[in-house]
């Protein structure tokens, strides 16, 4: 674990989103990081498809960078 420095504006956005969605600020930041990572690796997927990938990854034991890369290399049908 480490410290990541973010802008005051992003920190405030995180605070608002975490309160609105009943998550800790760390959990909200991790959520946004996961979504962003998957969106960059899979630009053809929409939000609901990315959510399904996150659920499948959790069922398979968690979301490691290797697992994300494997999913990105897999056929598009995995996101359906």
C-alpha atoms as a PDB file:
ATOM      1  CA  UNK A   1       0.000   0.000   0.000  1.00  0.00           C
ATOM      2  CA  UNK A   2       1.199   3.508  -0.662  1.00  0.00           C
ATOM      3  CA  UNK A   3       0.192   7.121  -0.724  1.00  0.00           C
ATOM      4  CA  UNK A   4      -1.170   8.670  -3.894  1.00  0.00           C
ATOM      5  CA  UNK A   5      -1.329  12.440  -4.124  1.00  0.00           C
ATOM      6  CA  UNK A   6      -4.354  13.869  -5.876  1.00  0.00           C
ATOM      7  CA  UNK A   7      -5.602  17.388  -6.502  1.00  0.00           C
ATOM      8  CA  UNK A   8      -7.871  19.134  -4.003  1.00  0.00           C
ATOM      9  CA  UNK A   9     -10.617  19.135  -6.642  1.00  0.00           C
ATOM     10  CA  UNK A  10     -10.390  15.352  -7.101  1.00  0.00           C
ATOM     11  CA  UNK A  11     -10.291  14.877  -3.331  1.00  0.00           C
ATOM     12  CA  UNK A  12     -13.512  16.858  -2.966  1.00  0.00           C
ATOM     13  CA  UNK A  13     -15.138  14.889  -5.804  1.00  0.00           C
ATOM     14  CA  UNK A  14     -14.095  11.684  -4.065  1.00  0.00           C
ATOM     15  CA  UNK A  15     -15.546  12.886  -0.769  1.00  0.00           C
ATOM     16  CA  UNK A  16     -18.889  13.775  -2.363  1.00  0.00           C
ATOM     17  CA  UNK A  17     -19.122  10.526  -4.362  1.00  0.00           C
ATOM     18  CA  UNK A  18     -18.116   8.357  -1.420  1.00  0.00           C
ATOM     19  CA  UNK A  19     -20.775   9.930   0.795  1.00  0.00           C
ATOM     20  CA  UNK A  20     -23.440   9.682  -1.899  1.00  0.00           C
ATOM     21  CA  UNK A  21     -22.640   6.031  -2.642  1.00  0.00           C
ATOM     22  CA  UNK A  22     -22.068   4.942   0.984  1.00  0.00           C
ATOM     23  CA  UNK A  23     -18.432   3.976   0.399  1.00  0.00           C
ATOM     24  CA  UNK A  24     -15.287   4.986   2.186  1.00  0.00           C
ATOM     25  CA  UNK A  25     -13.139   7.445   0.268  1.00  0.00           C
ATOM     26  CA  UNK A  26     -10.539   4.707  -0.282  1.00  0.00           C
ATOM     27  CA  UNK A  27     -13.202   2.304  -1.582  1.00  0.00           C
ATOM     28  CA  UNK A  28     -14.546   4.992  -3.947  1.00  0.00           C
ATOM     29  CA  UNK A  29     -11.043   5.763  -5.236  1.00  0.00           C
ATOM     30  CA  UNK A  30     -10.365   2.050  -5.811  1.00  0.00           C
ATOM     31  CA  UNK A  31     -13.692   1.703  -7.624  1.00  0.00           C
ATOM     32  CA  UNK A  32     -12.846   4.565  -9.960  1.00  0.00           C
ATOM     33  CA  UNK A  33      -9.347   3.162 -10.496  1.00  0.00           C
ATOM     34  CA  UNK A  34     -10.729  -0.266 -11.442  1.00  0.00           C
ATOM     35  CA  UNK A  35     -13.281   1.236 -13.822  1.00  0.00           C
ATOM     36  CA  UNK A  36     -10.678   3.451 -15.436  1.00  0.00           C
ATOM     37  CA  UNK A  37      -8.147   0.638 -15.818  1.00  0.00           C
ATOM     38  CA  UNK A  38     -10.709  -1.653 -17.440  1.00  0.00           C
ATOM     39  CA  UNK A  39     -12.060   1.147 -19.657  1.00  0.00           C
ATOM     40  CA  UNK A  40      -8.559   1.916 -20.952  1.00  0.00           C
ATOM     41  CA  UNK A  41      -7.781  -1.747 -21.620  1.00  0.00           C
ATOM     42  CA  UNK A  42     -11.218  -2.433 -23.137  1.00  0.00           C
ATOM     43  CA  UNK A  43     -12.391   0.762 -24.880  1.00  0.00           C
ATOM     44  CA  UNK A  44     -15.094  -1.156 -26.733  1.00  0.00           C
ATOM     45  CA  UNK A  45     -16.932  -2.034 -23.501  1.00  0.00           C
ATOM     46  CA  UNK A  46     -19.666   0.063 -21.942  1.00  0.00           C
ATOM     47  CA  UNK A  47     -20.148   0.597 -18.212  1.00  0.00           C
ATOM     48  CA  UNK A  48     -22.479  -2.373 -17.685  1.00  0.00           C
ATOM     49  CA  UNK A  49     -20.049  -4.708 -19.482  1.00  0.00           C
ATOM     50  CA  UNK A  50     -17.198  -3.447 -17.316  1.00  0.00           C
ATOM     51  CA  UNK A  51     -19.322  -4.076 -14.216  1.00  0.00           C
ATOM     52  CA  UNK A  52     -19.906  -7.648 -15.384  1.00  0.00           C
ATOM     53  CA  UNK A  53     -16.138  -8.077 -15.827  1.00  0.00           C
ATOM     54  CA  UNK A  54     -15.591  -6.830 -12.279  1.00  0.00           C
ATOM     55  CA  UNK A  55     -18.145  -9.309 -10.939  1.00  0.00           C
ATOM     56  CA  UNK A  56     -16.590 -12.194 -12.894  1.00  0.00           C
ATOM     57  CA  UNK A  57     -13.128 -11.195 -11.697  1.00  0.00           C
ATOM     58  CA  UNK A  58     -14.327 -11.170  -8.087  1.00  0.00           C
ATOM     59  CA  UNK A  59     -15.895 -14.604  -8.514  1.00  0.00           C
ATOM     60  CA  UNK A  60     -12.601 -15.843  -9.959  1.00  0.00           C
ATOM     61  CA  UNK A  61     -10.644 -14.700  -6.929  1.00  0.00           C
ATOM     62  CA  UNK A  62     -10.079 -10.998  -7.381  1.00  0.00           C
ATOM     63  CA  UNK A  63      -8.881  -8.405  -9.824  1.00  0.00           C
ATOM     64  CA  UNK A  64      -5.142  -8.639 -10.369  1.00  0.00           C
ATOM     65  CA  UNK A  65      -3.360  -6.781 -13.141  1.00  0.00           C
ATOM     66  CA  UNK A  66      -2.547 -10.132 -14.770  1.00  0.00           C
ATOM     67  CA  UNK A  67      -6.221 -11.125 -14.692  1.00  0.00           C
ATOM     68  CA  UNK A  68      -7.213  -7.773 -16.232  1.00  0.00           C
ATOM     69  CA  UNK A  69      -4.687  -8.266 -19.040  1.00  0.00           C
ATOM     70  CA  UNK A  70      -5.907 -11.819 -19.603  1.00  0.00           C
ATOM     71  CA  UNK A  71      -9.488 -10.569 -19.835  1.00  0.00           C
ATOM     72  CA  UNK A  72      -8.433  -7.837 -22.275  1.00  0.00           C
ATOM     73  CA  UNK A  73      -6.754 -10.480 -24.465  1.00  0.00           C
ATOM     74  CA  UNK A  74      -9.777 -12.833 -24.321  1.00  0.00           C
ATOM     75  CA  UNK A  75     -12.506 -12.857 -26.975  1.00  0.00           C
ATOM     76  CA  UNK A  76     -15.123 -10.108 -26.695  1.00  0.00           C
ATOM     77  CA  UNK A  77     -17.777 -12.649 -25.666  1.00  0.00           C
ATOM     78  CA  UNK A  78     -16.352 -12.694 -22.114  1.00  0.00           C
ATOM     79  CA  UNK A  79     -17.950  -9.300 -21.460  1.00  0.00           C
ATOM     80  CA  UNK A  80     -21.432 -10.379 -22.516  1.00  0.00           C
END
